[in-house]
Protein backbone atom coordinates (compact mmCIF):
# COMPACT_ATOMS: atom_id res chain seq x y z
CA MET A 1 0.02 -0.02 -0.03
CA ILE A 2 2.81 2.36 0.83
CA ILE A 3 4.38 1.69 -2.55
CA LYS A 4 1.25 2.61 -4.53
CA TRP A 5 0.78 6.01 -2.51
CA ASN A 6 4.57 6.56 -3.05
CA LYS A 7 4.04 6.23 -6.83
CA ILE A 8 0.92 8.43 -6.72
CA ILE A 9 2.76 11.20 -4.82
CA GLN A 10 5.71 10.92 -7.24
CA TRP A 11 3.48 11.21 -10.45
CA GLY A 12 1.58 14.09 -8.58
CA LEU A 13 4.89 16.11 -8.20
CA ARG A 14 5.84 15.17 -11.74
CA LEU A 15 2.88 16.63 -12.84
CA ILE A 16 3.00 19.91 -10.89
CA ALA A 17 6.52 20.61 -11.92
CA ALA A 18 6.03 19.86 -15.80
CA ILE A 19 2.72 21.48 -16.07
CA ILE A 20 3.74 24.72 -14.59
CA MET A 21 6.94 24.76 -16.67
CA LEU A 22 5.08 23.78 -19.76
CA GLN A 23 2.34 26.29 -19.12
CA THR A 24 4.92 29.21 -18.91
CA LEU A 25 6.47 28.34 -22.24
CA LEU A 26 3.57 29.98 -24.11
CA PHE A 27 4.49 33.24 -22.59
CA LYS A 28 8.28 32.74 -23.22
CA PHE A 29 8.02 31.56 -26.82
CA THR A 30 5.29 34.24 -27.83
CA ALA A 31 7.40 37.09 -26.30
CA ALA A 32 4.40 37.92 -23.94
CA PRO A 33 4.92 41.38 -22.38
CA GLU A 34 5.41 40.08 -19.02
CA SER A 35 8.29 37.65 -20.11
CA VAL A 36 9.93 40.35 -22.16
CA TYR A 37 9.67 42.67 -19.14
CA ILE A 38 11.29 40.20 -16.81
CA PHE A 39 14.00 39.18 -19.04
CA SER A 40 14.71 42.71 -20.18
CA ARG A 41 15.09 43.71 -16.33
CA LEU A 42 17.69 40.82 -16.04
CA GLY A 43 19.57 42.09 -19.10
CA MET A 44 18.76 38.62 -20.72
CA GLU A 45 16.21 39.52 -23.37
CA PRO A 46 15.66 37.66 -25.89
CA TRP A 47 18.30 35.02 -25.69
CA GLY A 48 17.64 34.38 -21.87
CA ARG A 49 13.77 34.19 -22.44
CA ILE A 50 14.13 31.68 -25.22
CA GLY A 51 17.14 29.83 -23.81
CA ILE A 52 15.31 29.28 -20.46
CA GLY A 53 12.22 28.28 -22.26
CA VAL A 54 14.01 25.58 -24.16
CA MET A 55 15.64 24.33 -20.93
CA GLU A 56 12.22 24.25 -19.15
CA LEU A 57 10.81 22.24 -21.94
CA ILE A 58 13.63 19.71 -21.81
CA ALA A 59 13.30 19.54 -18.05
CA SER A 60 9.50 18.84 -18.30
CA VAL A 61 10.05 16.06 -20.80
CA LEU A 62 12.72 14.51 -18.77
CA ILE A 63 10.61 14.67 -15.42
CA LEU A 64 7.71 13.07 -17.14
CA TRP A 65 9.80 10.05 -18.54
CA PRO A 66 10.35 7.74 -15.61
CA LYS A 67 13.75 6.74 -16.73
CA THR A 68 14.90 10.28 -16.67
CA THR A 69 12.99 11.87 -13.92
CA GLY A 70 16.15 12.54 -11.90
CA PHE A 71 17.84 14.35 -14.72
CA GLY A 72 14.71 16.58 -15.27
CA ALA A 73 14.40 17.24 -11.49
CA LEU A 74 18.11 18.18 -11.26
CA LEU A 75 17.51 20.68 -14.37
CA GLY A 76 14.33 21.90 -12.55
CA VAL A 77 16.06 22.67 -9.37
CA GLY A 78 18.62 24.64 -11.13
CA LEU A 79 16.28 26.53 -13.22
CA MET A 80 13.91 27.40 -10.38
CA GLY A 81 16.82 28.16 -8.15
CA GLY A 82 17.81 30.80 -10.53
CA ALA A 83 14.41 32.07 -10.89
CA LEU A 84 13.81 32.38 -7.06
CA TYR A 85 17.25 33.99 -6.81
CA PHE A 86 16.41 36.72 -9.43
CA HIS A 87 12.96 37.16 -7.73
CA LEU A 88 14.63 37.71 -4.28
CA THR A 89 17.28 40.00 -5.64
CA ARG A 90 16.39 41.82 -8.62
CA LEU A 91 12.81 41.48 -9.58
CA GLY A 92 10.86 41.27 -6.41
CA ILE A 93 8.34 38.71 -5.20
CA VAL A 94 5.53 40.61 -6.86
CA VAL A 95 6.15 41.31 -10.61
CA GLN A 96 3.91 43.79 -12.42
CA ASN A 97 1.16 43.29 -10.12
CA ASP A 98 0.96 39.52 -10.30
CA SER A 99 0.28 39.09 -6.52
CA GLY A 100 3.55 36.84 -6.42
CA GLU A 101 1.98 34.34 -8.77
CA LEU A 102 5.28 33.65 -10.67
CA PHE A 103 7.30 33.54 -7.38
CA ILE A 104 4.85 30.88 -6.23
CA TYR A 105 4.89 28.93 -9.19
CA ALA A 106 8.73 28.93 -9.15
CA LEU A 107 8.65 27.86 -5.47
CA LEU A 108 6.29 24.88 -6.34
CA VAL A 109 8.31 23.71 -9.19
CA PHE A 110 11.43 24.12 -7.18
CA VAL A 111 10.13 22.11 -4.18
CA SER A 112 8.44 19.38 -6.49
CA SER A 113 11.69 19.08 -8.28
CA LEU A 114 13.91 18.84 -5.12
CA ILE A 115 11.63 15.98 -3.76
CA LEU A 116 11.90 14.25 -7.13
CA LEU A 117 15.55 14.81 -7.06
CA ILE A 118 16.07 13.18 -3.86
CA ALA A 119 13.74 10.38 -4.83
CA TYR A 120 15.51 9.53 -8.09
CA ARG A 121 19.07 10.39 -7.08
CA ARG A 122 20.26 6.78 -8.13
CA GLN A 123 19.79 7.68 -11.70
CA ILE A 124 22.26 10.60 -11.44
CA LEU A 125 24.65 9.05 -8.98
CA ASN A 126 24.85 5.86 -11.01
CA LEU A 127 26.46 7.80 -13.82
CA LEU A 128 29.58 8.85 -11.56
CA PRO A 129 32.75 7.02 -12.73
CA GLY A 130 33.52 3.84 -10.82
CA ASN A 131 29.90 3.61 -9.62
CA LYS A 132 28.22 0.31 -11.01
CA THR A 133 25.37 0.62 -8.57
CA VAL A 134 24.77 3.20 -5.95
CA ARG A 135 22.83 1.85 -2.74
CA LEU A 136 21.06 4.61 -0.82
């Protein structure tokens, strides 16, 4: 019974992270004013907006594919860590009167990805040189 709940929770975390990242791609790839504003403030427009969008697309696909969930989660943690950093240092929690929605989405993806990274750490650790099977 515990294994079943564990799988349900993992799939829920995968869906949270992937759906949020995939949903924001529309804004990044169509040059929505909010995205252009954010990346302009960071001095990363347009290359940063498009590049981050591509990386979020890759992270989402990797998270949803069970054999690569750990890698997608690692990428998701890195991407959302950067997003949270910029929210806390240069953008502010509230961006263009969004009531902190983008910050909350970044936090949800970060936490979901971090939990998935811990749960799927073997996928990454098994690639380290000299490790045939890591037991954790």
